[in-house]
PDB file of all heavy atoms in Angstrom:
ATOM      1  N   PRO A   1      -9.478-127.804 -52.884  1.00  0.00           N
ATOM      2  CA  PRO A   1     -10.563-128.741 -52.579  1.00  0.00           C
ATOM      3  C   PRO A   1     -10.225-130.202 -52.833  1.00  0.00           C
ATOM      4  O   PRO A   1     -10.973-131.082 -52.397  1.00  0.00           O
ATOM      5  CB  PRO A   1     -11.700-128.270 -53.496  1.00  0.00           C
ATOM      6  CG  PRO A   1     -11.012-127.548 -54.609  1.00  0.00           C
ATOM      7  CD  PRO A   1      -9.826-126.888 -53.989  1.00  0.00           C
ATOM      8  N   ASP A   2      -9.121-130.484 -53.504  1.00  0.00           N
ATOM      9  CA  ASP A   2      -8.759-131.872 -53.763  1.00  0.00           C
ATOM     10  C   ASP A   2      -8.048-132.534 -52.578  1.00  0.00           C
ATOM     11  O   ASP A   2      -7.874-133.755 -52.562  1.00  0.00           O
ATOM     12  CB  ASP A   2      -7.858-131.970 -55.001  1.00  0.00           C
ATOM     13  CG  ASP A   2      -8.600-131.630 -56.279  1.00  0.00           C
ATOM     14  OD1 ASP A   2      -9.841-131.749 -56.284  1.00  0.00           O
ATOM     15  OD2 ASP A   2      -7.959-131.237 -57.259  1.00  0.00           O
ATOM     16  N   ILE A   3      -7.624-131.741 -51.602  1.00  0.00           N
ATOM     17  CA  ILE A   3      -6.972-132.329 -50.428  1.00  0.00           C
ATOM     18  C   ILE A   3      -8.012-133.073 -49.596  1.00  0.00           C
ATOM     19  O   ILE A   3      -8.999-132.496 -49.148  1.00  0.00           O
ATOM     20  CB  ILE A   3      -6.297-131.249 -49.564  1.00  0.00           C
ATOM     21  CG1 ILE A   3      -5.146-130.594 -50.314  1.00  0.00           C
ATOM     22  CG2 ILE A   3      -5.773-131.866 -48.253  1.00  0.00           C
ATOM     23  CD1 ILE A   3      -4.458-129.489 -49.531  1.00  0.00           C
ATOM     24  N   GLY A   4      -7.774-134.346 -49.374  1.00  0.00           N
ATOM     25  CA  GLY A   4      -8.669-135.121 -48.522  1.00  0.00           C
ATOM     26  C   GLY A   4      -7.999-135.563 -47.238  1.00  0.00           C
ATOM     27  O   GLY A   4      -8.636-135.699 -46.201  1.00  0.00           O
ATOM     28  N   PHE A   5      -6.687-135.782 -47.297  1.00  0.00           N
ATOM     29  CA  PHE A   5      -5.929-136.301 -46.155  1.00  0.00           C
ATOM     30  C   PHE A   5      -4.553-135.657 -46.187  1.00  0.00           C
ATOM     31  O   PHE A   5      -3.863-135.695 -47.207  1.00  0.00           O
ATOM     32  CB  PHE A   5      -5.817-137.828 -46.270  1.00  0.00           C
ATOM     33  CG  PHE A   5      -5.043-138.489 -45.157  1.00  0.00           C
ATOM     34  CD1 PHE A   5      -5.687-138.965 -44.028  1.00  0.00           C
ATOM     35  CD2 PHE A   5      -3.664-138.668 -45.247  1.00  0.00           C
ATOM     36  CE1 PHE A   5      -4.990-139.593 -43.013  1.00  0.00           C
ATOM     37  CE2 PHE A   5      -2.953-139.290 -44.236  1.00  0.00           C
ATOM     38  CZ  PHE A   5      -3.617-139.759 -43.119  1.00  0.00           C
ATOM     39  N   ARG A   6      -4.164-135.055 -45.078  1.00  0.00           N
ATOM     40  CA  ARG A   6      -2.873-134.382 -44.988  1.00  0.00           C
ATOM     41  C   ARG A   6      -2.142-134.915 -43.769  1.00  0.00           C
ATOM     42  O   ARG A   6      -2.487-134.615 -42.634  1.00  0.00           O
ATOM     43  CB  ARG A   6      -3.072-132.873 -44.870  1.00  0.00           C
ATOM     44  CG  ARG A   6      -1.797-132.077 -44.610  1.00  0.00           C
ATOM     45  CD  ARG A   6      -2.121-130.591 -44.471  1.00  0.00           C
ATOM     46  NE  ARG A   6      -0.958-129.806 -44.085  1.00  0.00           N
ATOM     47  CZ  ARG A   6      -0.645-129.493 -42.822  1.00  0.00           C
ATOM     48  NH1 ARG A   6      -1.416-129.903 -41.833  1.00  0.00           N
ATOM     49  NH2 ARG A   6       0.422-128.772 -42.564  1.00  0.00           N
ATOM     50  N   SER A   7      -1.129-135.767 -43.990  1.00  0.00           N
ATOM     51  CA  SER A   7      -0.306-136.279 -42.899  1.00  0.00           C
ATOM     52  C   SER A   7       0.826-135.294 -42.639  1.00  0.00           C
ATOM     53  O   SER A   7       1.415-134.742 -43.573  1.00  0.00           O
ATOM     54  CB  SER A   7       0.260-137.655 -43.266  1.00  0.00           C
ATOM     55  OG  SER A   7       1.022-138.173 -42.192  1.00  0.00           O
ATOM     56  N   TYR A   8       1.134-135.064 -41.377  1.00  0.00           N
ATOM     57  CA  TYR A   8       2.209-134.130 -41.052  1.00  0.00           C
ATOM     58  C   TYR A   8       2.931-134.619 -39.796  1.00  0.00           C
ATOM     59  O   TYR A   8       2.690-135.724 -39.324  1.00  0.00           O
ATOM     60  CB  TYR A   8       1.668-132.709 -40.883  1.00  0.00           C
ATOM     61  CG  TYR A   8       0.746-132.501 -39.702  1.00  0.00           C
ATOM     62  CD1 TYR A   8       1.201-131.842 -38.565  1.00  0.00           C
ATOM     63  CD2 TYR A   8      -0.569-132.938 -39.728  1.00  0.00           C
ATOM     64  CE1 TYR A   8       0.370-131.643 -37.470  1.00  0.00           C
ATOM     65  CE2 TYR A   8      -1.413-132.734 -38.649  1.00  0.00           C
ATOM     66  CZ  TYR A   8      -0.938-132.086 -37.520  1.00  0.00           C
ATOM     67  OH  TYR A   8      -1.758-131.896 -36.448  1.00  0.00           O
ATOM     68  N   GLY A   9       3.841-133.814 -39.276  1.00  0.00           N
ATOM     69  CA  GLY A   9       4.651-134.258 -38.147  1.00  0.00           C
ATOM     70  C   GLY A   9       5.610-135.364 -38.537  1.00  0.00           C
ATOM     71  O   GLY A   9       5.979-136.210 -37.711  1.00  0.00           O
ATOM     72  N   LEU A  10       6.021-135.367 -39.806  1.00  0.00           N
ATOM     73  CA  LEU A  10       6.831-136.467 -40.328  1.00  0.00           C
ATOM     74  C   LEU A  10       8.288-136.402 -39.880  1.00  0.00           C
ATOM     75  O   LEU A  10       9.058-137.332 -40.149  1.00  0.00           O
ATOM     76  CB  LEU A  10       6.730-136.495 -41.854  1.00  0.00           C
ATOM     77  CG  LEU A  10       5.296-136.685 -42.389  1.00  0.00           C
ATOM     78  CD1 LEU A  10       5.281-136.639 -43.907  1.00  0.00           C
ATOM     79  CD2 LEU A  10       4.702-137.994 -41.899  1.00  0.00           C
ATOM     80  N   THR A  11       8.670-135.345 -39.193  1.00  0.00           N
ATOM     81  CA  THR A  11       9.990-135.293 -38.563  1.00  0.00           C
ATOM     82  C   THR A  11       9.998-136.026 -37.227  1.00  0.00           C
ATOM     83  O   THR A  11      11.034-136.101 -36.563  1.00  0.00           O
ATOM     84  CB  THR A  11      10.412-133.839 -38.319  1.00  0.00           C
ATOM     85  OG1 THR A  11       9.470-133.216 -37.431  1.00  0.00           O
ATOM     86  CG2 THR A  11      10.472-133.062 -39.627  1.00  0.00           C
ATOM     87  N   LEU A  12       8.829-136.548 -36.837  1.00  0.00           N
ATOM     88  CA  LEU A  12       8.641-137.239 -35.556  1.00  0.00           C
ATOM     89  C   LEU A  12       8.862-136.306 -34.376  1.00  0.00           C
ATOM     90  O   LEU A  12       9.243-136.724 -33.288  1.00  0.00           O
ATOM     91  CB  LEU A  12       9.528-138.480 -35.459  1.00  0.00           C
ATOM     92  CG  LEU A  12       9.262-139.545 -36.525  1.00  0.00           C
ATOM     93  CD1 LEU A  12      10.113-140.778 -36.278  1.00  0.00           C
ATOM     94  CD2 LEU A  12       7.796-139.916 -36.597  1.00  0.00           C
ATOM     95  N   GLU A  13       8.566-135.033 -34.617  1.00  0.00           N
ATOM     96  CA  GLU A  13       8.550-134.040 -33.553  1.00  0.00           C
ATOM     97  C   GLU A  13       7.224-133.292 -33.619  1.00  0.00           C
ATOM     98  O   GLU A  13       6.719-133.015 -34.702  1.00  0.00           O
ATOM     99  CB  GLU A  13       9.708-133.044 -33.699  1.00  0.00           C
ATOM    100  CG  GLU A  13      11.082-133.659 -33.562  1.00  0.00           C
ATOM    101  CD  GLU A  13      12.195-132.644 -33.758  1.00  0.00           C
ATOM    102  OE1 GLU A  13      11.931-131.581 -34.347  1.00  0.00           O
ATOM    103  OE2 GLU A  13      13.313-132.942 -33.320  1.00  0.00           O
ATOM    104  N   HIS A  14       6.660-132.988 -32.472  1.00  0.00           N
ATOM    105  CA  HIS A  14       5.399-132.250 -32.426  1.00  0.00           C
ATOM    106  C   HIS A  14       5.268-131.642 -31.035  1.00  0.00           C
ATOM    107  O   HIS A  14       5.650-132.264 -30.032  1.00  0.00           O
ATOM    108  CB  HIS A  14       4.214-133.189 -32.706  1.00  0.00           C
ATOM    109  CG  HIS A  14       2.931-132.472 -32.989  1.00  0.00           C
ATOM    110  ND1 HIS A  14       2.172-131.888 -31.996  1.00  0.00           N
ATOM    111  CD2 HIS A  14       2.267-132.237 -34.148  1.00  0.00           C
ATOM    112  CE1 HIS A  14       1.097-131.337 -32.534  1.00  0.00           C
ATOM    113  NE2 HIS A  14       1.134-131.528 -33.834  1.00  0.00           N
ATOM    114  N   LYS A  15       4.704-130.450 -30.967  1.00  0.00           N
ATOM    115  CA  LYS A  15       4.627-129.750 -29.678  1.00  0.00           C
ATOM    116  C   LYS A  15       3.747-130.463 -28.662  1.00  0.00           C
ATOM    117  O   LYS A  15       3.847-130.189 -27.461  1.00  0.00           O
ATOM    118  CB  LYS A  15       4.150-128.311 -29.888  1.00  0.00           C
ATOM    119  CG  LYS A  15       2.723-128.184 -30.393  1.00  0.00           C
ATOM    120  CD  LYS A  15       2.353-126.716 -30.555  1.00  0.00           C
ATOM    121  CE  LYS A  15       0.919-126.536 -31.007  1.00  0.00           C
ATOM    122  NZ  LYS A  15       0.560-125.100 -31.131  1.00  0.00           N
ATOM    123  N   HIS A  16       2.858-131.361 -29.105  1.00  0.00           N
ATOM    124  CA  HIS A  16       2.008-132.089 -28.159  1.00  0.00           C
ATOM    125  C   HIS A  16       2.715-133.250 -27.478  1.00  0.00           C
ATOM    126  O   HIS A  16       2.224-133.767 -26.471  1.00  0.00           O
ATOM    127  CB  HIS A  16       0.775-132.645 -28.880  1.00  0.00           C
ATOM    128  CG  HIS A  16      -0.248-131.613 -29.244  1.00  0.00           C
ATOM    129  ND1 HIS A  16      -0.541-130.548 -28.435  1.00  0.00           N
ATOM    130  CD2 HIS A  16      -1.060-131.502 -30.327  1.00  0.00           C
ATOM    131  CE1 HIS A  16      -1.488-129.816 -29.003  1.00  0.00           C
ATOM    132  NE2 HIS A  16      -1.806-130.364 -30.153  1.00  0.00           N
ATOM    133  N   MET A  17       3.846-133.695 -28.008  1.00  0.00           N
ATOM    134  CA  MET A  17       4.486-134.898 -27.478  1.00  0.00           C
ATOM    135  C   MET A  17       4.966-134.754 -26.030  1.00  0.00           C
ATOM    136  O   MET A  17       4.751-135.655 -25.212  1.00  0.00           O
ATOM    137  CB  MET A  17       5.613-135.341 -28.419  1.00  0.00           C
ATOM    138  CG  MET A  17       5.101-135.862 -29.755  1.00  0.00           C
ATOM    139  SD  MET A  17       6.392-136.054 -31.012  1.00  0.00           S
ATOM    140  CE  MET A  17       7.489-137.217 -30.210  1.00  0.00           C
ATOM    141  N   PRO A  18       5.615-133.658 -25.647  1.00  0.00           N
ATOM    142  CA  PRO A  18       6.014-133.519 -24.234  1.00  0.00           C
ATOM    143  C   PRO A  18       4.820-133.531 -23.286  1.00  0.00           C
ATOM    144  O   PRO A  18       4.912-134.059 -22.168  1.00  0.00           O
ATOM    145  CB  PRO A  18       6.742-132.174 -24.198  1.00  0.00           C
ATOM    146  CG  PRO A  18       7.211-131.959 -25.593  1.00  0.00           C
ATOM    147  CD  PRO A  18       6.137-132.547 -26.464  1.00  0.00           C
ATOM    148  N   GLU A  19       3.728-132.953 -23.725  1.00  0.00           N
ATOM    149  CA  GLU A  19       2.504-132.916 -22.920  1.00  0.00           C
ATOM    150  C   GLU A  19       1.963-134.319 -22.668  1.00  0.00           C
ATOM    151  O   GLU A  19       1.566-134.671 -21.548  1.00  0.00           O
ATOM    152  CB  GLU A  19       1.482-132.059 -23.661  1.00  0.00           C
ATOM    153  CG  GLU A  19       0.143-131.885 -23.015  1.00  0.00           C
ATOM    154  CD  GLU A  19      -0.798-131.071 -23.898  1.00  0.00           C
ATOM    155  OE1 GLU A  19      -0.363-130.559 -24.957  1.00  0.00           O
ATOM    156  OE2 GLU A  19      -1.971-130.963 -23.521  1.00  0.00           O
ATOM    157  N   MET A  20       1.932-135.152 -23.716  1.00  0.00           N
ATOM    158  CA  MET A  20       1.456-136.528 -23.560  1.00  0.00           C
ATOM    159  C   MET A  20       2.347-137.299 -22.590  1.00  0.00           C
ATOM    160  O   MET A  20       1.863-138.006 -21.690  1.00  0.00           O
ATOM    161  CB  MET A  20       1.429-137.226 -24.916  1.00  0.00           C
ATOM    162  CG  MET A  20       0.461-136.650 -25.922  1.00  0.00           C
ATOM    163  SD  MET A  20       0.513-137.630 -27.457  1.00  0.00           S
ATOM    164  CE  MET A  20      -0.328-136.536 -28.588  1.00  0.00           C
ATOM    165  N   LYS A  21       3.642-137.190 -22.784  1.00  0.00           N
ATOM    166  CA  LYS A  21       4.597-137.923 -21.947  1.00  0.00           C
ATOM    167  C   LYS A  21       4.489-137.484 -20.490  1.00  0.00           C
ATOM    168  O   LYS A  21       4.403-138.330 -19.575  1.00  0.00           O
ATOM    169  CB  LYS A  21       6.007-137.692 -22.475  1.00  0.00           C
ATOM    170  CG  LYS A  21       7.107-138.375 -21.661  1.00  0.00           C
ATOM    171  CD  LYS A  21       8.478-138.039 -22.239  1.00  0.00           C
ATOM    172  CE  LYS A  21       9.600-138.678 -21.432  1.00  0.00           C
ATOM    173  NZ  LYS A  21      10.933-138.312 -21.977  1.00  0.00           N
ATOM    174  N   ARG A  22       4.484-136.188 -20.273  1.00  0.00           N
ATOM    175  CA  ARG A  22       4.488-135.647 -18.912  1.00  0.00           C
ATOM    176  C   ARG A  22       3.241-136.044 -18.138  1.00  0.00           C
ATOM    177  O   ARG A  22       3.312-136.557 -17.014  1.00  0.00           O
ATOM    178  CB  ARG A  22       4.621-134.128 -18.988  1.00  0.00           C
ATOM    179  CG  ARG A  22       4.280-133.368 -17.702  1.00  0.00           C
ATOM    180  CD  ARG A  22       5.335-133.516 -16.626  1.00  0.00           C
ATOM    181  NE  ARG A  22       4.971-132.755 -15.448  1.00  0.00           N
ATOM    182  CZ  ARG A  22       5.264-131.454 -15.269  1.00  0.00           C
ATOM    183  NH1 ARG A  22       5.934-130.795 -16.210  1.00  0.00           N
ATOM    184  NH2 ARG A  22       4.909-130.824 -14.177  1.00  0.00           N
ATOM    185  N   HIS A  23       2.086-135.832 -18.723  1.00  0.00           N
ATOM    186  CA  HIS A  23       0.859-135.993 -17.943  1.00  0.00           C
ATOM    187  C   HIS A  23       0.359-137.433 -17.883  1.00  0.00           C
ATOM    188  O   HIS A  23      -0.501-137.742 -17.053  1.00  0.00           O
ATOM    189  CB  HIS A  23      -0.210-135.038 -18.472  1.00  0.00           C
ATOM    190  CG  HIS A  23       0.148-133.599 -18.263  1.00  0.00           C
ATOM    191  ND1 HIS A  23       0.235-133.024 -17.020  1.00  0.00           N
ATOM    192  CD2 HIS A  23       0.480-132.619 -19.146  1.00  0.00           C
ATOM    193  CE1 HIS A  23       0.591-131.761 -17.137  1.00  0.00           C
ATOM    194  NE2 HIS A  23       0.748-131.489 -18.413  1.00  0.00           N
ATOM    195  N   ALA A  24       0.901-138.304 -18.718  1.00  0.00           N
ATOM    196  CA  ALA A  24       0.617-139.731 -18.558  1.00  0.00           C
ATOM    197  C   ALA A  24       1.654-140.398 -17.665  1.00  0.00           C
ATOM    198  O   ALA A  24       1.508-141.568 -17.312  1.00  0.00           O
ATOM    199  CB  ALA A  24       0.584-140.427 -19.919  1.00  0.00           C
ATOM    200  N   GLY A  25       2.706-139.665 -17.305  1.00  0.00           N
ATOM    201  CA  GLY A  25       3.748-140.219 -16.457  1.00  0.00           C
ATOM    202  C   GLY A  25       4.598-141.252 -17.163  1.00  0.00           C
ATOM    203  O   GLY A  25       5.011-142.246 -16.555  1.00  0.00           O
ATOM    204  N   LEU A  26       4.895-141.023 -18.454  1.00  0.00           N
ATOM    205  CA  LEU A  26       5.601-142.009 -19.263  1.00  0.00           C
ATOM    206  C   LEU A  26       7.114-141.818 -19.213  1.00  0.00           C
ATOM    207  O   LEU A  26       7.609-140.714 -18.994  1.00  0.00           O
ATOM    208  CB  LEU A  26       5.128-141.930 -20.714  1.00  0.00           C
ATOM    209  CG  LEU A  26       3.622-142.120 -20.954  1.00  0.00           C
ATOM    210  CD1 LEU A  26       3.323-142.026 -22.443  1.00  0.00           C
ATOM    211  CD2 LEU A  26       3.140-143.454 -20.386  1.00  0.00           C
ATOM    212  N   THR A  27       7.819-142.903 -19.478  1.00  0.00           N
ATOM    213  CA  THR A  27       9.276-142.873 -19.536  1.00  0.00           C
ATOM    214  C   THR A  27       9.775-142.424 -20.906  1.00  0.00           C
ATOM    215  O   THR A  27      10.771-141.696 -21.010  1.00  0.00           O
ATOM    216  CB  THR A  27       9.846-144.272 -19.229  1.00  0.00           C
ATOM    217  OG1 THR A  27       9.379-144.704 -17.947  1.00  0.00           O
ATOM    218  CG2 THR A  27      11.370-144.259 -19.231  1.00  0.00           C
ATOM    219  N   HIS A  28       9.080-142.855 -21.964  1.00  0.00           N
ATOM    220  CA  HIS A  28       9.518-142.585 -23.331  1.00  0.00           C
ATOM    221  C   HIS A  28       8.569-141.601 -24.025  1.00  0.00           C
ATOM    222  O   HIS A  28       7.383-141.531 -23.703  1.00  0.00           O
ATOM    223  CB  HIS A  28       9.551-143.880 -24.145  1.00  0.00           C
ATOM    224  CG  HIS A  28      10.335-144.979 -23.512  1.00  0.00           C
ATOM    225  ND1 HIS A  28      11.698-144.929 -23.357  1.00  0.00           N
ATOM    226  CD2 HIS A  28       9.940-146.174 -22.984  1.00  0.00           C
ATOM    227  CE1 HIS A  28      12.116-146.030 -22.768  1.00  0.00           C
ATOM    228  NE2 HIS A  28      11.075-146.799 -22.533  1.00  0.00           N
ATOM    229  N   ASP A  29       9.105-140.901 -25.012  1.00  0.00           N
ATOM    230  CA  ASP A  29       8.247-140.122 -25.900  1.00  0.00           C
ATOM    231  C   ASP A  29       7.324-141.072 -26.671  1.00  0.00           C
ATOM    232  O   ASP A  29       7.706-142.206 -26.982  1.00  0.00           O
ATOM    233  CB  ASP A  29       9.083-139.335 -26.915  1.00  0.00           C
ATOM    234  CG  ASP A  29       9.834-138.177 -26.285  1.00  0.00           C
ATOM    235  OD1 ASP A  29       9.351-137.646 -25.270  1.00  0.00           O
ATOM    236  OD2 ASP A  29      10.908-137.816 -26.819  1.00  0.00           O
ATOM    237  N   VAL A  30       6.142-140.597 -26.993  1.00  0.00           N
ATOM    238  CA  VAL A  30       5.242-141.383 -27.834  1.00  0.00           C
ATOM    239  C   VAL A  30       5.642-141.205 -29.299  1.00  0.00           C
ATOM    240  O   VAL A  30       6.277-140.211 -29.672  1.00  0.00           O
ATOM    241  CB  VAL A  30       3.767-140.956 -27.651  1.00  0.00           C
ATOM    242  CG1 VAL A  30       3.343-141.113 -26.208  1.00  0.00           C
ATOM    243  CG2 VAL A  30       3.555-139.523 -28.122  1.00  0.00           C
ATOM    244  N   ILE A  31       5.317-142.200 -30.116  1.00  0.00           N
ATOM    245  CA  ILE A  31       5.419-142.052 -31.561  1.00  0.00           C
ATOM    246  C   ILE A  31       4.081-141.493 -32.023  1.00  0.00           C
ATOM    247  O   ILE A  31       3.042-142.154 -31.912  1.00  0.00           O
ATOM    248  CB  ILE A  31       5.694-143.396 -32.259  1.00  0.00           C
ATOM    249  CG1 ILE A  31       6.983-144.008 -31.729  1.00  0.00           C
ATOM    250  CG2 ILE A  31       5.762-143.197 -33.767  1.00  0.00           C
ATOM    251  CD1 ILE A  31       8.234-143.228 -32.039  1.00  0.00           C
ATOM    252  N   PHE A  32       4.097-140.263 -32.513  1.00  0.00           N
ATOM    253  CA  PHE A  32       2.853-139.543 -32.792  1.00  0.00           C
ATOM    254  C   PHE A  32       2.692-139.352 -34.292  1.00  0.00           C
ATOM    255  O   PHE A  32       3.574-138.781 -34.947  1.00  0.00           O
ATOM    256  CB  PHE A  32       2.886-138.198 -32.070  1.00  0.00           C
ATOM    257  CG  PHE A  32       1.652-137.364 -32.234  1.00  0.00           C
ATOM    258  CD1 PHE A  32       0.382-137.945 -32.196  1.00  0.00           C
ATOM    259  CD2 PHE A  32       1.742-135.993 -32.405  1.00  0.00           C
ATOM    260  CE1 PHE A  32      -0.766-137.163 -32.344  1.00  0.00           C
ATOM    261  CE2 PHE A  32       0.611-135.209 -32.539  1.00  0.00           C
ATOM    262  CZ  PHE A  32      -0.642-135.796 -32.512  1.00  0.00           C
ATOM    263  N   ALA A  33       1.581-139.855 -34.841  1.00  0.00           N
ATOM    264  CA  ALA A  33       1.308-139.779 -36.279  1.00  0.00           C
ATOM    265  C   ALA A  33       0.008-139.016 -36.511  1.00  0.00           C
ATOM    266  O   ALA A  33      -1.064-139.614 -36.627  1.00  0.00           O
ATOM    267  CB  ALA A  33       1.220-141.178 -36.874  1.00  0.00           C
TER     268      ALA A  33
END
């Protein structure tokens, strides 16, 4: 119960990143925090 904020994805990899890049038509991966 003491956890209030949990940051993750600190390897700068996440399964949502290809999805964001692909469907927004982007050239670069996003920096996702």
